[in-house]
Amino acid sequence: MPKAYLFLMIAVVFETIGTTALQASNQFSKLVPSLIVVVSYAAAFYLMALTLRYLPVGITYAIWSGMGIVLIAFIGFVVFGQKLDWPAILGMGLIVLGILVINLFSKTAMH
C-alpha cells in the first residue's frame, strides 16, 4: 500500500507544478511554461494511473484533488501573491480533515 501513496503524492507534486506553470504561461502564450504544463500533467496522470492499481478511483481522486487544492493555494500565495480569506482557509482545512478521515478510518482506502 505505501507504493500507491508514493505514486499519488508524486503525482500531486507534478500536478501542482503543472498548474503553477499554467498560471505562468499566460494562457499558453509563453513557450517554456506551456511545455512544463504538458510534461507535468502527463507525468501526473501517468502516476495517478499507477496509483489506480492499488486504490479505488474515488479515494485516489479525493486525495489527489484535496492535496492539489491545498498545495496550489499555498503556491498561489507564495509565488503569485494571491491571498486567501478565513472562509477559504477554513474550507481547505476541512478538505485536509476529510482526507485524514478517509485514510485513518475508511476501509475503502485499502483493497
N, C-alpha and C. Protein backbone atom coordinates (compact mmCIF):
# COMPACT_ATOMS: atom_id res chain seq x y z
N MET A 1 0.81 -1.22 0.00
CA MET A 1 0.00 0.00 0.00
C MET A 1 0.85 1.28 0.00
N PRO A 2 1.98 1.33 0.68
CA PRO A 2 2.76 2.57 0.66
C PRO A 2 3.19 3.00 -0.74
N LYS A 3 3.42 2.04 -1.65
CA LYS A 3 3.80 2.38 -3.01
C LYS A 3 2.71 3.22 -3.68
N ALA A 4 1.46 2.88 -3.43
CA ALA A 4 0.35 3.63 -4.02
C ALA A 4 0.37 5.07 -3.55
N TYR A 5 0.61 5.28 -2.27
CA TYR A 5 0.63 6.64 -1.75
C TYR A 5 1.85 7.42 -2.24
N LEU A 6 2.96 6.74 -2.44
CA LEU A 6 4.13 7.40 -3.01
C LEU A 6 3.83 7.86 -4.43
N PHE A 7 3.26 6.97 -5.25
CA PHE A 7 2.87 7.35 -6.61
C PHE A 7 1.92 8.54 -6.58
N LEU A 8 0.95 8.49 -5.69
CA LEU A 8 -0.06 9.54 -5.62
C LEU A 8 0.53 10.87 -5.18
N MET A 9 1.40 10.86 -4.19
CA MET A 9 2.00 12.12 -3.73
C MET A 9 2.90 12.74 -4.81
N ILE A 10 3.64 11.91 -5.52
CA ILE A 10 4.46 12.44 -6.61
C ILE A 10 3.57 12.98 -7.72
N ALA A 11 2.46 12.30 -7.98
CA ALA A 11 1.50 12.78 -8.98
C ALA A 11 0.95 14.15 -8.59
N VAL A 12 0.64 14.32 -7.32
CA VAL A 12 0.13 15.62 -6.84
C VAL A 12 1.19 16.70 -7.01
N VAL A 13 2.44 16.37 -6.76
CA VAL A 13 3.52 17.35 -6.94
C VAL A 13 3.60 17.76 -8.42
N PHE A 14 3.56 16.78 -9.32
CA PHE A 14 3.60 17.11 -10.75
C PHE A 14 2.39 17.93 -11.17
N GLU A 15 1.22 17.57 -10.65
CA GLU A 15 0.01 18.33 -10.99
C GLU A 15 0.12 19.77 -10.50
N THR A 16 0.70 19.94 -9.33
CA THR A 16 0.89 21.28 -8.77
C THR A 16 1.89 22.09 -9.59
N ILE A 17 2.96 21.44 -10.01
CA ILE A 17 3.93 22.11 -10.89
C ILE A 17 3.25 22.52 -12.18
N GLY A 18 2.46 21.62 -12.75
CA GLY A 18 1.75 21.93 -13.99
C GLY A 18 0.78 23.08 -13.84
N THR A 19 0.06 23.11 -12.74
CA THR A 19 -0.90 24.19 -12.51
C THR A 19 -0.20 25.52 -12.28
N THR A 20 0.93 25.48 -11.58
CA THR A 20 1.72 26.70 -11.38
C THR A 20 2.24 27.21 -12.72
N ALA A 21 2.73 26.30 -13.56
CA ALA A 21 3.21 26.69 -14.89
C ALA A 21 2.06 27.19 -15.76
N LEU A 22 0.87 26.65 -15.56
CA LEU A 22 -0.30 27.12 -16.32
C LEU A 22 -0.56 28.59 -16.04
N GLN A 23 -0.47 28.97 -14.77
CA GLN A 23 -0.63 30.39 -14.41
C GLN A 23 0.48 31.21 -15.06
N ALA A 24 1.70 30.70 -15.03
CA ALA A 24 2.86 31.43 -15.57
C ALA A 24 2.88 31.47 -17.10
N SER A 25 2.13 30.59 -17.74
CA SER A 25 2.16 30.51 -19.21
C SER A 25 1.39 31.64 -19.89
N ASN A 26 0.62 32.41 -19.13
CA ASN A 26 -0.23 33.47 -19.69
C ASN A 26 -1.08 32.95 -20.85
N GLN A 27 -1.94 31.98 -20.51
CA GLN A 27 -2.85 31.36 -21.47
C GLN A 27 -2.09 30.73 -22.65
N PHE A 28 -1.02 30.02 -22.33
CA PHE A 28 -0.18 29.31 -23.31
C PHE A 28 0.50 30.24 -24.30
N SER A 29 0.76 31.47 -23.91
CA SER A 29 1.46 32.40 -24.80
C SER A 29 2.98 32.40 -24.56
N LYS A 30 3.44 31.73 -23.51
CA LYS A 30 4.87 31.61 -23.23
C LYS A 30 5.27 30.14 -23.39
N LEU A 31 6.29 29.90 -24.21
CA LEU A 31 6.64 28.53 -24.60
C LEU A 31 7.11 27.66 -23.43
N VAL A 32 8.08 28.10 -22.67
CA VAL A 32 8.65 27.24 -21.62
C VAL A 32 7.62 26.85 -20.57
N PRO A 33 6.88 27.81 -20.00
CA PRO A 33 5.86 27.38 -19.03
C PRO A 33 4.80 26.47 -19.67
N SER A 34 4.47 26.70 -20.91
CA SER A 34 3.48 25.85 -21.60
C SER A 34 3.99 24.42 -21.74
N LEU A 35 5.27 24.26 -22.06
CA LEU A 35 5.85 22.92 -22.15
C LEU A 35 5.89 22.24 -20.78
N ILE A 36 6.16 23.01 -19.75
CA ILE A 36 6.16 22.47 -18.39
C ILE A 36 4.76 21.98 -18.02
N VAL A 37 3.73 22.71 -18.44
CA VAL A 37 2.34 22.28 -18.18
C VAL A 37 2.10 20.90 -18.79
N VAL A 38 2.44 20.75 -20.05
CA VAL A 38 2.15 19.50 -20.76
C VAL A 38 2.93 18.33 -20.14
N VAL A 39 4.21 18.51 -19.91
CA VAL A 39 5.05 17.44 -19.35
C VAL A 39 4.61 17.10 -17.93
N SER A 40 4.33 18.11 -17.12
CA SER A 40 3.94 17.88 -15.73
C SER A 40 2.60 17.16 -15.64
N TYR A 41 1.62 17.59 -16.43
CA TYR A 41 0.32 16.91 -16.39
C TYR A 41 0.43 15.48 -16.91
N ALA A 42 1.25 15.26 -17.94
CA ALA A 42 1.43 13.89 -18.44
C ALA A 42 2.02 13.00 -17.35
N ALA A 43 3.04 13.49 -16.66
CA ALA A 43 3.64 12.72 -15.57
C ALA A 43 2.64 12.50 -14.44
N ALA A 44 1.87 13.53 -14.12
CA ALA A 44 0.89 13.42 -13.04
C ALA A 44 -0.16 12.36 -13.35
N PHE A 45 -0.70 12.38 -14.56
CA PHE A 45 -1.73 11.41 -14.92
C PHE A 45 -1.18 10.00 -15.03
N TYR A 46 0.06 9.86 -15.49
CA TYR A 46 0.68 8.55 -15.54
C TYR A 46 0.81 7.98 -14.12
N LEU A 47 1.32 8.80 -13.20
CA LEU A 47 1.48 8.34 -11.82
C LEU A 47 0.13 8.08 -11.15
N MET A 48 -0.88 8.88 -11.49
CA MET A 48 -2.20 8.62 -10.93
C MET A 48 -2.73 7.29 -11.47
N ALA A 49 -2.47 7.01 -12.74
CA ALA A 49 -2.90 5.72 -13.30
C ALA A 49 -2.22 4.56 -12.58
N LEU A 50 -0.96 4.71 -12.24
CA LEU A 50 -0.27 3.67 -11.46
C LEU A 50 -0.91 3.50 -10.09
N THR A 51 -1.33 4.60 -9.50
CA THR A 51 -1.98 4.56 -8.19
C THR A 51 -3.27 3.74 -8.26
N LEU A 52 -3.97 3.82 -9.38
CA LEU A 52 -5.25 3.13 -9.52
C LEU A 52 -5.11 1.61 -9.54
N ARG A 53 -3.89 1.10 -9.63
CA ARG A 53 -3.67 -0.34 -9.49
C ARG A 53 -3.92 -0.79 -8.05
N TYR A 54 -3.79 0.14 -7.11
CA TYR A 54 -3.82 -0.19 -5.69
C TYR A 54 -4.99 0.42 -4.92
N LEU A 55 -5.47 1.57 -5.37
CA LEU A 55 -6.53 2.28 -4.65
C LEU A 55 -7.73 2.50 -5.56
N PRO A 56 -8.93 2.53 -5.00
CA PRO A 56 -10.12 2.82 -5.80
C PRO A 56 -10.07 4.25 -6.36
N VAL A 57 -10.70 4.45 -7.49
CA VAL A 57 -10.65 5.74 -8.17
C VAL A 57 -11.22 6.86 -7.31
N GLY A 58 -12.27 6.62 -6.57
CA GLY A 58 -12.88 7.67 -5.73
C GLY A 58 -11.94 8.14 -4.63
N ILE A 59 -11.28 7.20 -3.99
CA ILE A 59 -10.32 7.54 -2.93
C ILE A 59 -9.12 8.25 -3.54
N THR A 60 -8.62 7.72 -4.65
CA THR A 60 -7.48 8.33 -5.33
C THR A 60 -7.79 9.76 -5.71
N TYR A 61 -8.95 9.98 -6.30
CA TYR A 61 -9.29 11.33 -6.76
C TYR A 61 -9.55 12.28 -5.59
N ALA A 62 -10.13 11.78 -4.52
CA ALA A 62 -10.37 12.63 -3.34
C ALA A 62 -9.04 13.14 -2.77
N ILE A 63 -8.07 12.24 -2.65
CA ILE A 63 -6.77 12.65 -2.13
C ILE A 63 -6.06 13.55 -3.12
N TRP A 64 -6.08 13.18 -4.39
CA TRP A 64 -5.45 13.96 -5.47
C TRP A 64 -5.97 15.39 -5.49
N SER A 65 -7.28 15.52 -5.54
CA SER A 65 -7.85 16.87 -5.66
C SER A 65 -7.69 17.67 -4.38
N GLY A 66 -7.88 17.03 -3.24
CA GLY A 66 -7.75 17.74 -1.97
C GLY A 66 -6.34 18.25 -1.73
N MET A 67 -5.37 17.39 -1.91
CA MET A 67 -3.98 17.81 -1.71
C MET A 67 -3.57 18.84 -2.77
N GLY A 68 -4.05 18.65 -3.99
CA GLY A 68 -3.74 19.62 -5.05
C GLY A 68 -4.30 21.00 -4.74
N ILE A 69 -5.52 21.06 -4.22
CA ILE A 69 -6.14 22.33 -3.86
C ILE A 69 -5.30 23.06 -2.81
N VAL A 70 -4.93 22.34 -1.78
CA VAL A 70 -4.17 22.96 -0.69
C VAL A 70 -2.79 23.41 -1.18
N LEU A 71 -2.09 22.55 -1.90
CA LEU A 71 -0.75 22.91 -2.38
C LEU A 71 -0.78 24.08 -3.36
N ILE A 72 -1.71 24.08 -4.29
CA ILE A 72 -1.74 25.16 -5.27
C ILE A 72 -2.18 26.47 -4.63
N ALA A 73 -3.03 26.40 -3.62
CA ALA A 73 -3.40 27.63 -2.90
C ALA A 73 -2.19 28.20 -2.17
N PHE A 74 -1.38 27.33 -1.58
CA PHE A 74 -0.16 27.77 -0.90
C PHE A 74 0.81 28.39 -1.91
N ILE A 75 1.00 27.72 -3.05
CA ILE A 75 1.89 28.26 -4.09
C ILE A 75 1.34 29.57 -4.64
N GLY A 76 0.03 29.65 -4.83
CA GLY A 76 -0.58 30.90 -5.29
C GLY A 76 -0.28 32.04 -4.34
N PHE A 77 -0.30 31.76 -3.06
CA PHE A 77 0.01 32.78 -2.05
C PHE A 77 1.48 33.17 -2.10
N VAL A 78 2.37 32.18 -2.08
CA VAL A 78 3.81 32.43 -2.00
C VAL A 78 4.37 33.00 -3.31
N VAL A 79 4.00 32.40 -4.44
CA VAL A 79 4.61 32.77 -5.72
C VAL A 79 3.87 33.93 -6.39
N PHE A 80 2.54 33.92 -6.36
CA PHE A 80 1.77 34.91 -7.11
C PHE A 80 1.12 35.98 -6.23
N GLY A 81 1.30 35.89 -4.92
CA GLY A 81 0.75 36.89 -4.02
C GLY A 81 -0.77 36.86 -3.91
N GLN A 82 -1.38 35.71 -4.18
CA GLN A 82 -2.83 35.57 -4.11
C GLN A 82 -3.22 35.25 -2.66
N LYS A 83 -4.02 36.11 -2.09
CA LYS A 83 -4.40 35.96 -0.69
C LYS A 83 -5.67 35.15 -0.53
N LEU A 84 -5.80 34.49 0.62
CA LEU A 84 -6.99 33.73 0.96
C LEU A 84 -7.64 34.35 2.18
N ASP A 85 -8.98 34.38 2.19
CA ASP A 85 -9.67 34.86 3.38
C ASP A 85 -9.92 33.67 4.32
N TRP A 86 -10.42 33.97 5.51
CA TRP A 86 -10.62 32.92 6.52
C TRP A 86 -11.59 31.83 6.08
N PRO A 87 -12.69 32.15 5.40
CA PRO A 87 -13.56 31.06 4.93
C PRO A 87 -12.85 30.11 3.97
N ALA A 88 -11.98 30.65 3.10
CA ALA A 88 -11.23 29.79 2.18
C ALA A 88 -10.26 28.90 2.95
N ILE A 89 -9.58 29.47 3.92
CA ILE A 89 -8.63 28.70 4.73
C ILE A 89 -9.36 27.62 5.53
N LEU A 90 -10.51 27.98 6.11
CA LEU A 90 -11.32 27.01 6.85
C LEU A 90 -11.78 25.88 5.93
N GLY A 91 -12.24 26.23 4.76
CA GLY A 91 -12.69 25.21 3.80
C GLY A 91 -11.57 24.26 3.42
N MET A 92 -10.38 24.79 3.20
CA MET A 92 -9.25 23.93 2.87
C MET A 92 -8.84 23.07 4.06
N GLY A 93 -8.98 23.61 5.25
CA GLY A 93 -8.73 22.81 6.44
C GLY A 93 -9.69 21.64 6.53
N LEU A 94 -10.95 21.87 6.17
CA LEU A 94 -11.93 20.79 6.17
C LEU A 94 -11.61 19.74 5.10
N ILE A 95 -11.06 20.19 3.97
CA ILE A 95 -10.64 19.24 2.94
C ILE A 95 -9.54 18.34 3.48
N VAL A 96 -8.55 18.93 4.12
CA VAL A 96 -7.46 18.14 4.71
C VAL A 96 -8.01 17.19 5.77
N LEU A 97 -8.94 17.68 6.59
CA LEU A 97 -9.57 16.82 7.59
C LEU A 97 -10.28 15.65 6.93
N GLY A 98 -10.97 15.91 5.83
CA GLY A 98 -11.65 14.84 5.09
C GLY A 98 -10.68 13.79 4.57
N ILE A 99 -9.54 14.24 4.06
CA ILE A 99 -8.52 13.30 3.58
C ILE A 99 -8.00 12.45 4.74
N LEU A 100 -7.79 13.08 5.89
CA LEU A 100 -7.34 12.33 7.06
C LEU A 100 -8.38 11.30 7.50
N VAL A 101 -9.64 11.68 7.50
CA VAL A 101 -10.70 10.74 7.88
C VAL A 101 -10.71 9.54 6.94
N ILE A 102 -10.60 9.81 5.63
CA ILE A 102 -10.57 8.71 4.66
C ILE A 102 -9.42 7.76 4.96
N ASN A 103 -8.23 8.32 5.15
CA ASN A 103 -7.05 7.49 5.31
C ASN A 103 -6.94 6.81 6.67
N LEU A 104 -7.49 7.43 7.69
CA LEU A 104 -7.38 6.85 9.03
C LEU A 104 -8.52 5.88 9.37
N PHE A 105 -9.71 6.11 8.83
CA PHE A 105 -10.87 5.35 9.28
C PHE A 105 -11.59 4.54 8.21
N SER A 106 -11.38 4.84 6.93
CA SER A 106 -12.13 4.15 5.89
C SER A 106 -11.47 2.85 5.49
N LYS A 107 -12.25 1.80 5.42
CA LYS A 107 -11.76 0.53 4.91
C LYS A 107 -11.72 0.54 3.39
N THR A 108 -12.39 1.49 2.77
CA THR A 108 -12.40 1.61 1.31
C THR A 108 -11.04 2.01 0.77
N ALA A 109 -10.25 2.72 1.59
CA ALA A 109 -8.95 3.19 1.13
C ALA A 109 -7.97 2.05 0.89
N MET A 110 -8.28 0.88 1.35
CA MET A 110 -7.42 -0.29 1.12
C MET A 110 -8.21 -1.36 0.41
N HIS A 111 -7.61 -1.91 -0.65
CA HIS A 111 -8.30 -3.06 -1.28
C HIS A 111 -7.34 -4.05 -1.83
